[in-house]
Amino acid sequence: MPFDINTTDTEVISSFGKEAQDKTVLITGPSIASIGSQVAISLATAGPKLLILAGRNKEKITPVIEEIKKANAEVPVKFVQLDLLSHKSVRDCVKQVKEITDHIDAIINNAGVMATRKFTLSEDNVESQFAVNYLSHFLLTNLLLREGLIKSGGLILNVGSLGYQMADIQLNDINYSNGQSYNGWKAYGQAKSAQILGTRGLANRLKGKGIAVLVAHPGVTLESSLLANSAIDQEYFGEAYALAIERNDGKPLPPQNMVSLKQAAGVLLYTALNPEFRSKPAAFIVENEVYTLTREYVNNDTDADKLWELSEKLVGEKFTF
């Protein structure tokens, strides 16, 4: 069958579910009515060994655990507390995970925020979108690697966005002059650019280790709680569209097809479970195909190294593998 923008999570599991059998998967941001929760519920039907759901609010994840039990009562599910606005919380999360398991087959870095209007800082004085969408996942993933929980045969999947086209990375000023030049959509673009470039940097460092590092854009869905949580309305979306056209030299953009929650989850599952992608380090998957990155600022090793060094400085840790 063809795998394209219309492919659902159910169809992907039907074709590739065996790849998830007896596997331990950690998913960040799987709160109710999110892409992450849909991925978790679908994965449960394939018979994984263990699902670890990492999120800030247990009350929003408990209903997801109940849905997982309905889908497959045999699958163990564990909740771990994770606040991506706090490096301490990230480190505590890794300690919790180590108490649960000594092996993670796949981590899906799904949690995120989108174009928050007001400039805010994380607990560690990092612009909040950069912190949540990129930097804390950088720290989480690298700590799990350092602890040996992600081994050869493992998968690291970052959930990215075509929104990277709205901004490059201000390596010398990620906090937008402490908010003075802040724009919610530009900050979102910066964070998503960092995800893609950071995926490249990590893939370069894990060459020969047998660990797949990928990034995928699940598409835009009105069914996800992301838009509601970010208070994005039609007028605010219009600002994003205007910015995108401006950065496209004034040329019209190709239409953005909205997808269902099941289709969005399908992209992440297809990327995670399709063995063909394992040999494509740092591949960016859009509509279930490898996407060609045309923006140099997310597509070169020099900037990837600069971002890595900045990220290490911001989290106060050096990582070598």
C-alpha atoms as a PDB file:
ATOM      1  CA  MET A   1       0.000   0.000   0.000  1.00  0.00           C
ATOM      2  CA  PRO A   2       1.198   3.595  -0.537  1.00  0.00           C
ATOM      3  CA  PHE A   3       2.321   5.503   2.536  1.00  0.00           C
ATOM      4  CA  ASP A   4       1.549   9.180   2.132  1.00  0.00           C
ATOM      5  CA  ILE A   5      -0.172  12.088   3.852  1.00  0.00           C
ATOM      6  CA  ASN A   6      -3.408  10.057   4.088  1.00  0.00           C
ATOM      7  CA  THR A   7      -1.832   7.092   5.891  1.00  0.00           C
ATOM      8  CA  THR A   8      -3.139   6.558   9.431  1.00  0.00           C
ATOM      9  CA  ASP A   9      -1.497   5.135  12.532  1.00  0.00           C
ATOM     10  CA  THR A  10      -3.678   2.021  12.254  1.00  0.00           C
ATOM     11  CA  GLU A  11      -2.418   1.338   8.733  1.00  0.00           C
ATOM     12  CA  VAL A  12       1.204   1.809   9.762  1.00  0.00           C
ATOM     13  CA  ILE A  13       0.842  -0.585  12.701  1.00  0.00           C
ATOM     14  CA  SER A  14      -0.829  -3.094  10.393  1.00  0.00           C
ATOM     15  CA  SER A  15       2.230  -3.074   8.128  1.00  0.00           C
ATOM     16  CA  PHE A  16       5.091  -2.442  10.567  1.00  0.00           C
ATOM     17  CA  GLY A  17       3.726  -3.387  13.978  1.00  0.00           C
ATOM     18  CA  LYS A  18       6.161  -6.288  14.312  1.00  0.00           C
ATOM     19  CA  GLU A  19       8.970  -3.713  14.562  1.00  0.00           C
ATOM     20  CA  ALA A  20       7.478  -2.520  17.862  1.00  0.00           C
ATOM     21  CA  GLN A  21       6.931  -5.928  19.441  1.00  0.00           C
ATOM     22  CA  ASP A  22       8.796  -6.425  22.737  1.00  0.00           C
ATOM     23  CA  LYS A  23      10.334  -2.936  22.486  1.00  0.00           C
ATOM     24  CA  THR A  24      10.619  -0.317  25.206  1.00  0.00           C
ATOM     25  CA  VAL A  25       9.560   3.140  24.001  1.00  0.00           C
ATOM     26  CA  LEU A  26       9.760   6.490  25.805  1.00  0.00           C
ATOM     27  CA  ILE A  27       7.485   9.285  24.562  1.00  0.00           C
ATOM     28  CA  THR A  28       7.598  12.870  25.806  1.00  0.00           C
ATOM     29  CA  GLY A  29       4.474  15.031  25.848  1.00  0.00           C
ATOM     30  CA  PRO A  30       1.806  12.306  25.531  1.00  0.00           C
ATOM     31  CA  SER A  31      -1.013  14.224  27.227  1.00  0.00           C
ATOM     32  CA  ILE A  32      -4.609  13.543  26.259  1.00  0.00           C
ATOM     33  CA  ALA A  33      -5.705  14.663  22.762  1.00  0.00           C
ATOM     34  CA  SER A  34      -2.143  15.044  21.493  1.00  0.00           C
ATOM     35  CA  ILE A  35      -0.118  13.452  18.729  1.00  0.00           C
ATOM     36  CA  GLY A  36       2.048  11.830  21.394  1.00  0.00           C
ATOM     37  CA  SER A  37      -0.914  10.177  23.091  1.00  0.00           C
ATOM     38  CA  GLN A  38      -2.211   8.888  19.758  1.00  0.00           C
ATOM     39  CA  VAL A  39       1.202   7.386  19.006  1.00  0.00           C
ATOM     40  CA  ALA A  40       1.286   5.703  22.424  1.00  0.00           C
ATOM     41  CA  ILE A  41      -2.200   4.224  22.101  1.00  0.00           C
ATOM     42  CA  SER A  42      -1.451   2.917  18.609  1.00  0.00           C
ATOM     43  CA  LEU A  43       1.887   1.450  19.682  1.00  0.00           C
ATOM     44  CA  ALA A  44       0.124  -0.467  22.442  1.00  0.00           C
ATOM     45  CA  THR A  45      -1.770  -2.516  19.872  1.00  0.00           C
ATOM     46  CA  ALA A  46       1.549  -3.804  18.493  1.00  0.00           C
ATOM     47  CA  GLY A  47       2.580  -5.419  21.781  1.00  0.00           C
ATOM     48  CA  PRO A  48       5.590  -3.432  23.008  1.00  0.00           C
ATOM     49  CA  LYS A  49       7.468  -4.579  26.110  1.00  0.00           C
ATOM     50  CA  LEU A  50       7.008  -1.267  27.929  1.00  0.00           C
ATOM     51  CA  LEU A  51       5.702   2.242  27.269  1.00  0.00           C
ATOM     52  CA  ILE A  52       7.166   5.106  29.312  1.00  0.00           C
ATOM     53  CA  LEU A  53       5.154   8.319  29.172  1.00  0.00           C
ATOM     54  CA  ALA A  54       7.065  11.428  30.239  1.00  0.00           C
ATOM     55  CA  GLY A  55       5.125  14.592  30.940  1.00  0.00           C
ATOM     56  CA  ARG A  56       4.597  17.475  33.321  1.00  0.00           C
ATOM     57  CA  ASN A  57       1.000  16.855  34.342  1.00  0.00           C
ATOM     58  CA  LYS A  58       0.038  13.340  35.418  1.00  0.00           C
ATOM     59  CA  GLU A  59      -3.654  14.251  35.376  1.00  0.00           C
ATOM     60  CA  LYS A  60      -3.443  14.868  31.618  1.00  0.00           C
ATOM     61  CA  ILE A  61      -1.655  11.576  31.013  1.00  0.00           C
ATOM     62  CA  THR A  62      -3.727   9.283  33.238  1.00  0.00           C
ATOM     63  CA  PRO A  63      -6.593   9.187  30.671  1.00  0.00           C
ATOM     64  CA  VAL A  64      -4.046   8.148  28.038  1.00  0.00           C
ATOM     65  CA  ILE A  65      -2.878   5.277  30.236  1.00  0.00           C
ATOM     66  CA  GLU A  66      -6.509   4.194  30.551  1.00  0.00           C
ATOM     67  CA  GLU A  67      -6.899   4.262  26.750  1.00  0.00           C
ATOM     68  CA  ILE A  68      -3.717   2.221  26.367  1.00  0.00           C
ATOM     69  CA  LYS A  69      -5.111  -0.391  28.741  1.00  0.00           C
ATOM     70  CA  LYS A  70      -8.279  -0.540  26.636  1.00  0.00           C
ATOM     71  CA  ALA A  71      -6.177  -1.022  23.489  1.00  0.00           C
ATOM     72  CA  ASN A  72      -3.993  -3.715  25.064  1.00  0.00           C
ATOM     73  CA  ALA A  73      -4.288  -4.546  28.743  1.00  0.00           C
ATOM     74  CA  GLU A  74      -1.097  -6.631  28.595  1.00  0.00           C
ATOM     75  CA  VAL A  75       1.218  -3.681  27.927  1.00  0.00           C
ATOM     76  CA  PRO A  76       2.970  -2.217  30.979  1.00  0.00           C
ATOM     77  CA  VAL A  77       2.827   1.602  31.108  1.00  0.00           C
ATOM     78  CA  LYS A  78       4.866   3.851  33.371  1.00  0.00           C
ATOM     79  CA  PHE A  79       4.510   7.590  33.948  1.00  0.00           C
ATOM     80  CA  VAL A  80       7.597   9.688  34.690  1.00  0.00           C
ATOM     81  CA  GLN A  81       7.462  13.342  35.624  1.00  0.00           C
ATOM     82  CA  LEU A  82       9.174  15.692  33.164  1.00  0.00           C
ATOM     83  CA  ASP A  83       9.073  19.478  33.001  1.00  0.00           C
ATOM     84  CA  LEU A  84      10.994  20.648  29.950  1.00  0.00           C
ATOM     85  CA  LEU A  85      11.276  24.128  31.410  1.00  0.00           C
ATOM     86  CA  SER A  86      13.674  22.763  34.040  1.00  0.00           C
ATOM     87  CA  HIS A  87      17.021  21.055  33.522  1.00  0.00           C
ATOM     88  CA  LYS A  88      16.759  19.699  37.065  1.00  0.00           C
ATOM     89  CA  SER A  89      13.477  18.031  36.126  1.00  0.00           C
ATOM     90  CA  VAL A  90      15.139  16.514  33.035  1.00  0.00           C
ATOM     91  CA  ARG A  91      17.924  15.059  35.164  1.00  0.00           C
ATOM     92  CA  ASP A  92      15.410  13.745  37.700  1.00  0.00           C
ATOM     93  CA  CYS A  93      13.440  12.171  34.853  1.00  0.00           C
ATOM     94  CA  VAL A  94      16.511  10.227  33.716  1.00  0.00           C
ATOM     95  CA  LYS A  95      16.950   8.923  37.274  1.00  0.00           C
ATOM     96  CA  GLN A  96      13.309   7.782  37.255  1.00  0.00           C
ATOM     97  CA  VAL A  97      13.757   6.030  33.912  1.00  0.00           C
ATOM     98  CA  LYS A  98      16.867   4.207  35.188  1.00  0.00           C
ATOM     99  CA  GLU A  99      14.806   2.841  38.074  1.00  0.00           C
ATOM    100  CA  ILE A 100      12.258   1.467  35.601  1.00  0.00           C
ATOM    101  CA  THR A 101      14.481  -0.030  32.899  1.00  0.00           C
ATOM    102  CA  ASP A 102      18.076  -0.438  31.758  1.00  0.00           C
ATOM    103  CA  HIS A 103      17.211  -0.270  28.064  1.00  0.00           C
ATOM    104  CA  ILE A 104      15.226   2.026  25.772  1.00  0.00           C
ATOM    105  CA  ASP A 105      14.723   0.890  22.195  1.00  0.00           C
ATOM    106  CA  ALA A 106      13.239   4.192  21.025  1.00  0.00           C
ATOM    107  CA  ILE A 107      12.725   7.687  22.351  1.00  0.00           C
ATOM    108  CA  ILE A 108      10.193   9.916  20.624  1.00  0.00           C
ATOM    109  CA  ASN A 109      10.872  13.534  21.571  1.00  0.00           C
ATOM    110  CA  ASN A 110       7.350  14.737  20.888  1.00  0.00           C
ATOM    111  CA  ALA A 111       6.577  17.370  23.558  1.00  0.00           C
ATOM    112  CA  GLY A 112       6.434  20.945  22.373  1.00  0.00           C
ATOM    113  CA  VAL A 113       4.894  24.386  22.447  1.00  0.00           C
ATOM    114  CA  MET A 114       3.974  26.518  19.467  1.00  0.00           C
ATOM    115  CA  ALA A 115       4.463  30.239  18.917  1.00  0.00           C
ATOM    116  CA  THR A 116       3.721  31.404  22.432  1.00  0.00           C
ATOM    117  CA  ARG A 117       2.851  35.097  22.174  1.00  0.00           C
ATOM    118  CA  LYS A 118       4.525  36.292  25.350  1.00  0.00           C
ATOM    119  CA  PHE A 119       8.266  36.104  25.916  1.00  0.00           C
ATOM    120  CA  THR A 120       9.038  33.827  28.847  1.00  0.00           C
ATOM    121  CA  LEU A 121      12.163  32.165  30.194  1.00  0.00           C
ATOM    122  CA  SER A 122      12.705  28.654  31.448  1.00  0.00           C
ATOM    123  CA  GLU A 123      13.913  27.950  34.962  1.00  0.00           C
ATOM    124  CA  ASP A 124      17.419  28.033  33.466  1.00  0.00           C
ATOM    125  CA  ASN A 125      16.961  31.431  31.762  1.00  0.00           C
ATOM    126  CA  VAL A 126      16.448  30.099  28.235  1.00  0.00           C
ATOM    127  CA  GLU A 127      13.664  31.350  25.935  1.00  0.00           C
ATOM    128  CA  SER A 128      10.804  28.937  26.582  1.00  0.00           C
ATOM    129  CA  GLN A 129      10.182  27.635  23.043  1.00  0.00           C
ATOM    130  CA  PHE A 130      13.889  26.955  22.509  1.00  0.00           C
ATOM    131  CA  ALA A 131      13.983  25.246  25.917  1.00  0.00           C
ATOM    132  CA  VAL A 132      10.928  23.027  25.490  1.00  0.00           C
ATOM    133  CA  ASN A 133      11.100  22.155  21.799  1.00  0.00           C
ATOM    134  CA  TYR A 134      14.850  21.675  21.554  1.00  0.00           C
ATOM    135  CA  LEU A 135      17.265  22.209  24.438  1.00  0.00           C
ATOM    136  CA  SER A 136      15.696  20.027  27.136  1.00  0.00           C
ATOM    137  CA  HIS A 137      15.268  17.201  24.636  1.00  0.00           C
ATOM    138  CA  PHE A 138      18.961  17.640  23.772  1.00  0.00           C
ATOM    139  CA  LEU A 139      19.783  17.198  27.450  1.00  0.00           C
ATOM    140  CA  LEU A 140      17.353  14.305  27.987  1.00  0.00           C
ATOM    141  CA  THR A 141      18.564  12.345  24.964  1.00  0.00           C
ATOM    142  CA  ASN A 142      22.241  12.834  25.688  1.00  0.00           C
ATOM    143  CA  LEU A 143      21.873  11.857  29.345  1.00  0.00           C
ATOM    144  CA  LEU A 144      20.079   8.658  28.314  1.00  0.00           C
ATOM    145  CA  LEU A 145      22.877   7.944  25.848  1.00  0.00           C
ATOM    146  CA  ARG A 146      25.563   8.632  28.454  1.00  0.00           C
ATOM    147  CA  GLU A 147      23.844   6.283  30.906  1.00  0.00           C
ATOM    148  CA  GLY A 148      23.852   3.559  28.254  1.00  0.00           C
ATOM    149  CA  LEU A 149      20.079   3.266  28.139  1.00  0.00           C
ATOM    150  CA  ILE A 150      19.992   3.841  24.371  1.00  0.00           C
ATOM    151  CA  LYS A 151      22.240   1.264  22.747  1.00  0.00           C
ATOM    152  CA  SER A 152      23.079  -0.053  19.279  1.00  0.00           C
ATOM    153  CA  GLY A 153      19.835  -0.800  17.455  1.00  0.00           C
ATOM    154  CA  GLY A 154      18.093   2.070  19.204  1.00  0.00           C
ATOM    155  CA  LEU A 155      16.180   4.978  17.702  1.00  0.00           C
ATOM    156  CA  ILE A 156      16.036   8.683  18.526  1.00  0.00           C
ATOM    157  CA  LEU A 157      13.137  10.452  16.807  1.00  0.00           C
ATOM    158  CA  ASN A 158      12.714  14.212  17.144  1.00  0.00           C
ATOM    159  CA  VAL A 159       9.353  15.704  16.197  1.00  0.00           C
ATOM    160  CA  GLY A 160      10.100  18.677  13.976  1.00  0.00           C
ATOM    161  CA  SER A 161       8.142  21.027  11.763  1.00  0.00           C
ATOM    162  CA  LEU A 162       8.226  22.791   8.427  1.00  0.00           C
ATOM    163  CA  GLY A 163       7.934  25.852  10.649  1.00  0.00           C
ATOM    164  CA  TYR A 164      11.748  25.828  10.646  1.00  0.00           C
ATOM    165  CA  GLN A 165      11.426  27.954   7.514  1.00  0.00           C
ATOM    166  CA  MET A 166      10.220  30.912   9.583  1.00  0.00           C
ATOM    167  CA  ALA A 167      13.553  31.603  11.272  1.00  0.00           C
ATOM    168  CA  ASP A 168      17.162  30.574  11.470  1.00  0.00           C
ATOM    169  CA  ILE A 169      18.972  30.198  14.784  1.00  0.00           C
ATOM    170  CA  GLN A 170      20.283  33.306  16.521  1.00  0.00           C
ATOM    171  CA  LEU A 171      23.312  31.523  17.928  1.00  0.00           C
ATOM    172  CA  ASN A 172      24.541  34.704  19.605  1.00  0.00           C
ATOM    173  CA  ASP A 173      21.132  35.798  20.897  1.00  0.00           C
ATOM    174  CA  ILE A 174      18.680  32.933  21.360  1.00  0.00           C
ATOM    175  CA  ASN A 175      16.805  34.999  23.975  1.00  0.00           C
ATOM    176  CA  TYR A 176      16.047  37.840  21.542  1.00  0.00           C
ATOM    177  CA  SER A 177      17.791  40.542  23.610  1.00  0.00           C
ATOM    178  CA  ASN A 178      15.983  39.292  26.692  1.00  0.00           C
ATOM    179  CA  GLY A 179      12.659  39.545  24.903  1.00  0.00           C
ATOM    180  CA  GLN A 180      13.050  43.015  23.433  1.00  0.00           C
ATOM    181  CA  SER A 181      13.037  41.686  19.850  1.00  0.00           C
ATOM    182  CA  TYR A 182      10.864  38.652  20.569  1.00  0.00           C
ATOM    183  CA  ASN A 183       8.337  37.394  18.022  1.00  0.00           C
ATOM    184  CA  GLY A 184       6.415  34.225  18.831  1.00  0.00           C
ATOM    185  CA  TRP A 185       6.572  32.800  15.331  1.00  0.00           C
ATOM    186  CA  LYS A 186      10.254  33.608  14.839  1.00  0.00           C
ATOM    187  CA  ALA A 187      11.053  31.973  18.170  1.00  0.00           C
ATOM    188  CA  TYR A 188       9.069  28.911  17.085  1.00  0.00           C
ATOM    189  CA  GLY A 189      10.994  28.834  13.812  1.00  0.00           C
ATOM    190  CA  GLN A 190      14.281  29.127  15.696  1.00  0.00           C
ATOM    191  CA  ALA A 191      13.381  26.219  17.977  1.00  0.00           C
ATOM    192  CA  LYS A 192      12.308  24.009  15.080  1.00  0.00           C
ATOM    193  CA  SER A 193      15.456  24.902  13.125  1.00  0.00           C
ATOM    194  CA  ALA A 194      17.452  23.899  16.189  1.00  0.00           C
ATOM    195  CA  GLN A 195      15.658  20.551  16.280  1.00  0.00           C
ATOM    196  CA  ILE A 196      16.644  19.790  12.692  1.00  0.00           C
ATOM    197  CA  LEU A 197      20.203  21.052  12.986  1.00  0.00           C
ATOM    198  CA  GLY A 198      20.578  19.353  16.361  1.00  0.00           C
ATOM    199  CA  THR A 199      19.428  16.074  14.838  1.00  0.00           C
ATOM    200  CA  ARG A 200      22.225  16.415  12.297  1.00  0.00           C
ATOM    201  CA  GLY A 201      24.782  17.175  14.998  1.00  0.00           C
ATOM    202  CA  LEU A 202      23.780  14.151  17.068  1.00  0.00           C
ATOM    203  CA  ALA A 203      23.700  11.845  14.039  1.00  0.00           C
ATOM    204  CA  ASN A 204      27.249  12.921  13.172  1.00  0.00           C
ATOM    205  CA  ARG A 205      28.433  12.061  16.684  1.00  0.00           C
ATOM    206  CA  LEU A 206      26.724   8.660  16.700  1.00  0.00           C
ATOM    207  CA  LYS A 207      28.115   7.473  13.367  1.00  0.00           C
ATOM    208  CA  GLY A 208      29.088   3.827  13.593  1.00  0.00           C
ATOM    209  CA  LYS A 209      27.199   3.329  16.873  1.00  0.00           C
ATOM    210  CA  GLY A 210      24.190   1.622  15.279  1.00  0.00           C
ATOM    211  CA  ILE A 211      21.734   4.192  16.653  1.00  0.00           C
ATOM    212  CA  ALA A 212      19.292   5.796  14.206  1.00  0.00           C
ATOM    213  CA  VAL A 213      18.678   9.546  14.593  1.00  0.00           C
ATOM    214  CA  LEU A 214      15.736  10.980  12.653  1.00  0.00           C
ATOM    215  CA  VAL A 215      13.385  13.961  12.624  1.00  0.00           C
ATOM    216  CA  ALA A 216       9.798  14.037  11.335  1.00  0.00           C
ATOM    217  CA  HIS A 217       7.112  16.634  10.652  1.00  0.00           C
ATOM    218  CA  PRO A 218       3.737  15.072  11.545  1.00  0.00           C
ATOM    219  CA  GLY A 219       1.744  17.793   9.816  1.00  0.00           C
ATOM    220  CA  VAL A 220      -0.699  20.346  11.175  1.00  0.00           C
ATOM    221  CA  THR A 221      -3.819  18.996  12.824  1.00  0.00           C
ATOM    222  CA  LEU A 222      -6.703  20.918  14.356  1.00  0.00           C
ATOM    223  CA  GLU A 223      -7.492  17.867  16.496  1.00  0.00           C
ATOM    224  CA  SER A 224      -4.397  18.249  18.642  1.00  0.00           C
ATOM    225  CA  SER A 225      -4.469  20.184  21.907  1.00  0.00           C
ATOM    226  CA  LEU A 226      -1.265  21.976  20.826  1.00  0.00           C
ATOM    227  CA  LEU A 227      -3.049  24.826  19.063  1.00  0.00           C
ATOM    228  CA  ALA A 228      -5.532  25.324  21.891  1.00  0.00           C
ATOM    229  CA  ASN A 229      -2.778  25.259  24.517  1.00  0.00           C
ATOM    230  CA  SER A 230      -0.840  27.858  22.544  1.00  0.00           C
ATOM    231  CA  ALA A 231      -3.910  30.120  22.104  1.00  0.00           C
ATOM    232  CA  ILE A 232      -3.423  30.299  18.340  1.00  0.00           C
ATOM    233  CA  ASP A 233      -6.334  31.765  16.417  1.00  0.00           C
ATOM    234  CA  GLN A 234      -6.867  32.494  12.719  1.00  0.00           C
ATOM    235  CA  GLU A 235      -5.491  36.034  12.972  1.00  0.00           C
ATOM    236  CA  TYR A 236      -2.306  34.830  14.645  1.00  0.00           C
ATOM    237  CA  PHE A 237      -1.919  32.099  12.018  1.00  0.00           C
ATOM    238  CA  GLY A 238      -2.153  34.884   9.445  1.00  0.00           C
ATOM    239  CA  GLU A 239       0.955  36.472  10.959  1.00  0.00           C
ATOM    240  CA  ALA A 240       2.801  33.186  10.506  1.00  0.00           C
ATOM    241  CA  TYR A 241       1.706  32.964   6.891  1.00  0.00           C
ATOM    242  CA  ALA A 242       2.861  36.531   6.193  1.00  0.00           C
ATOM    243  CA  LEU A 243       6.237  35.824   7.796  1.00  0.00           C
ATOM    244  CA  ALA A 244       6.658  32.631   5.794  1.00  0.00           C
ATOM    245  CA  ILE A 245       5.903  34.436   2.509  1.00  0.00           C
ATOM    246  CA  GLU A 246       8.341  37.202   3.430  1.00  0.00           C
ATOM    247  CA  ARG A 247      11.064  34.613   3.985  1.00  0.00           C
ATOM    248  CA  ASN A 248      10.099  32.968   0.695  1.00  0.00           C
ATOM    249  CA  ASP A 249      11.049  36.143  -1.208  1.00  0.00           C
ATOM    250  CA  GLY A 250       7.395  37.122  -1.439  1.00  0.00           C
ATOM    251  CA  LYS A 251       6.419  34.021  -3.397  1.00  0.00           C
ATOM    252  CA  PRO A 252       3.205  32.158  -2.554  1.00  0.00           C
ATOM    253  CA  LEU A 253       3.606  29.040  -0.439  1.00  0.00           C
ATOM    254  CA  PRO A 254       2.346  25.598  -1.397  1.00  0.00           C
ATOM    255  CA  PRO A 255      -0.917  24.814   0.406  1.00  0.00           C
ATOM    256  CA  GLN A 256      -0.601  23.246   3.851  1.00  0.00           C
ATOM    257  CA  ASN A 257      -2.870  20.230   4.024  1.00  0.00           C
ATOM    258  CA  MET A 258      -4.453  19.720   7.419  1.00  0.00           C
ATOM    259  CA  VAL A 259      -4.325  16.180   8.747  1.00  0.00           C
ATOM    260  CA  SER A 260      -6.212  14.179  11.347  1.00  0.00           C
ATOM    261  CA  LEU A 261      -4.639  13.154  14.637  1.00  0.00           C
ATOM    262  CA  LYS A 262      -4.419   9.588  13.333  1.00  0.00           C
ATOM    263  CA  GLN A 263      -2.621  10.757  10.178  1.00  0.00           C
ATOM    264  CA  ALA A 264      -0.179  12.858  12.200  1.00  0.00           C
ATOM    265  CA  ALA A 265       0.564   9.898  14.455  1.00  0.00           C
ATOM    266  CA  GLY A 266       0.941   7.794  11.323  1.00  0.00           C
ATOM    267  CA  VAL A 267       3.899   9.893  10.151  1.00  0.00           C
ATOM    268  CA  LEU A 268       5.731   9.461  13.450  1.00  0.00           C
ATOM    269  CA  LEU A 269       5.031   5.742  13.572  1.00  0.00           C
ATOM    270  CA  TYR A 270       6.048   5.228   9.952  1.00  0.00           C
ATOM    271  CA  THR A 271       9.309   7.088  10.598  1.00  0.00           C
ATOM    272  CA  ALA A 272       9.969   5.124  13.779  1.00  0.00           C
ATOM    273  CA  LEU A 273       9.046   1.663  12.512  1.00  0.00           C
ATOM    274  CA  ASN A 274      10.045   1.617   8.838  1.00  0.00           C
ATOM    275  CA  PRO A 275      13.466  -0.116   8.741  1.00  0.00           C
ATOM    276  CA  GLU A 276      14.396   1.718   5.523  1.00  0.00           C
ATOM    277  CA  PHE A 277      14.893   4.982   7.410  1.00  0.00           C
ATOM    278  CA  ARG A 278      17.451   3.440   9.790  1.00  0.00           C
ATOM    279  CA  SER A 279      20.197   3.854   7.191  1.00  0.00           C
ATOM    280  CA  LYS A 280      19.426   7.539   6.584  1.00  0.00           C
ATOM    281  CA  PRO A 281      21.042   9.533   9.425  1.00  0.00           C
ATOM    282  CA  ALA A 282      19.314  12.813  10.271  1.00  0.00           C
ATOM    283  CA  ALA A 283      16.716  12.276   7.536  1.00  0.00           C
ATOM    284  CA  PHE A 284      13.771  14.707   7.760  1.00  0.00           C
ATOM    285  CA  ILE A 285      10.524  12.847   7.074  1.00  0.00           C
ATOM    286  CA  VAL A 286       7.556  14.830   5.754  1.00  0.00           C
ATOM    287  CA  GLU A 287       4.350  13.152   4.514  1.00  0.00           C
ATOM    288  CA  ASN A 288       6.145   9.805   4.945  1.00  0.00           C
ATOM    289  CA  GLU A 289       8.943  10.664   2.523  1.00  0.00           C
ATOM    290  CA  VAL A 290      12.475  11.982   2.969  1.00  0.00           C
ATOM    291  CA  TYR A 291      12.294  15.761   2.590  1.00  0.00           C
ATOM    292  CA  THR A 292      15.065  17.738   0.908  1.00  0.00           C
ATOM    293  CA  LEU A 293      16.204  20.586   3.134  1.00  0.00           C
ATOM    294  CA  THR A 294      16.919  23.692   1.066  1.00  0.00           C
ATOM    295  CA  ARG A 295      17.785  26.135   3.845  1.00  0.00           C
ATOM    296  CA  GLU A 296      21.523  26.150   4.472  1.00  0.00           C
ATOM    297  CA  TYR A 297      21.145  27.147   8.124  1.00  0.00           C
ATOM    298  CA  VAL A 298      19.735  23.710   9.001  1.00  0.00           C
ATOM    299  CA  ASN A 299      21.835  21.751   6.559  1.00  0.00           C
ATOM    300  CA  ASN A 300      25.532  22.181   7.326  1.00  0.00           C
ATOM    301  CA  ASP A 301      27.965  20.643   9.769  1.00  0.00           C
ATOM    302  CA  THR A 302      29.677  23.886  10.763  1.00  0.00           C
ATOM    303  CA  ASP A 303      26.501  25.367  12.238  1.00  0.00           C
ATOM    304  CA  ALA A 304      25.559  21.969  13.681  1.00  0.00           C
ATOM    305  CA  ASP A 305      28.810  22.001  15.663  1.00  0.00           C
ATOM    306  CA  LYS A 306      28.218  25.587  16.802  1.00  0.00           C
ATOM    307  CA  LEU A 307      24.729  24.674  18.001  1.00  0.00           C
ATOM    308  CA  TRP A 308      26.098  21.625  19.814  1.00  0.00           C
ATOM    309  CA  GLU A 309      28.682  23.754  21.634  1.00  0.00           C
ATOM    310  CA  LEU A 310      26.049  26.343  22.566  1.00  0.00           C
ATOM    311  CA  SER A 311      23.711  23.617  23.800  1.00  0.00           C
ATOM    312  CA  GLU A 312      26.424  22.093  25.978  1.00  0.00           C
ATOM    313  CA  LYS A 313      27.136  25.522  27.442  1.00  0.00           C
ATOM    314  CA  LEU A 314      23.457  26.155  28.184  1.00  0.00           C
ATOM    315  CA  VAL A 315      22.955  22.811  29.954  1.00  0.00           C
ATOM    316  CA  GLY A 316      26.363  22.910  31.660  1.00  0.00           C
ATOM    317  CA  GLU A 317      27.471  19.506  30.366  1.00  0.00           C
ATOM    318  CA  LYS A 318      29.859  18.106  27.767  1.00  0.00           C
ATOM    319  CA  PHE A 319      28.791  15.056  25.786  1.00  0.00           C
ATOM    320  CA  THR A 320      31.102  12.779  23.819  1.00  0.00           C
ATOM    321  CA  PHE A 321      30.200   9.391  22.394  1.00  0.00           C
END
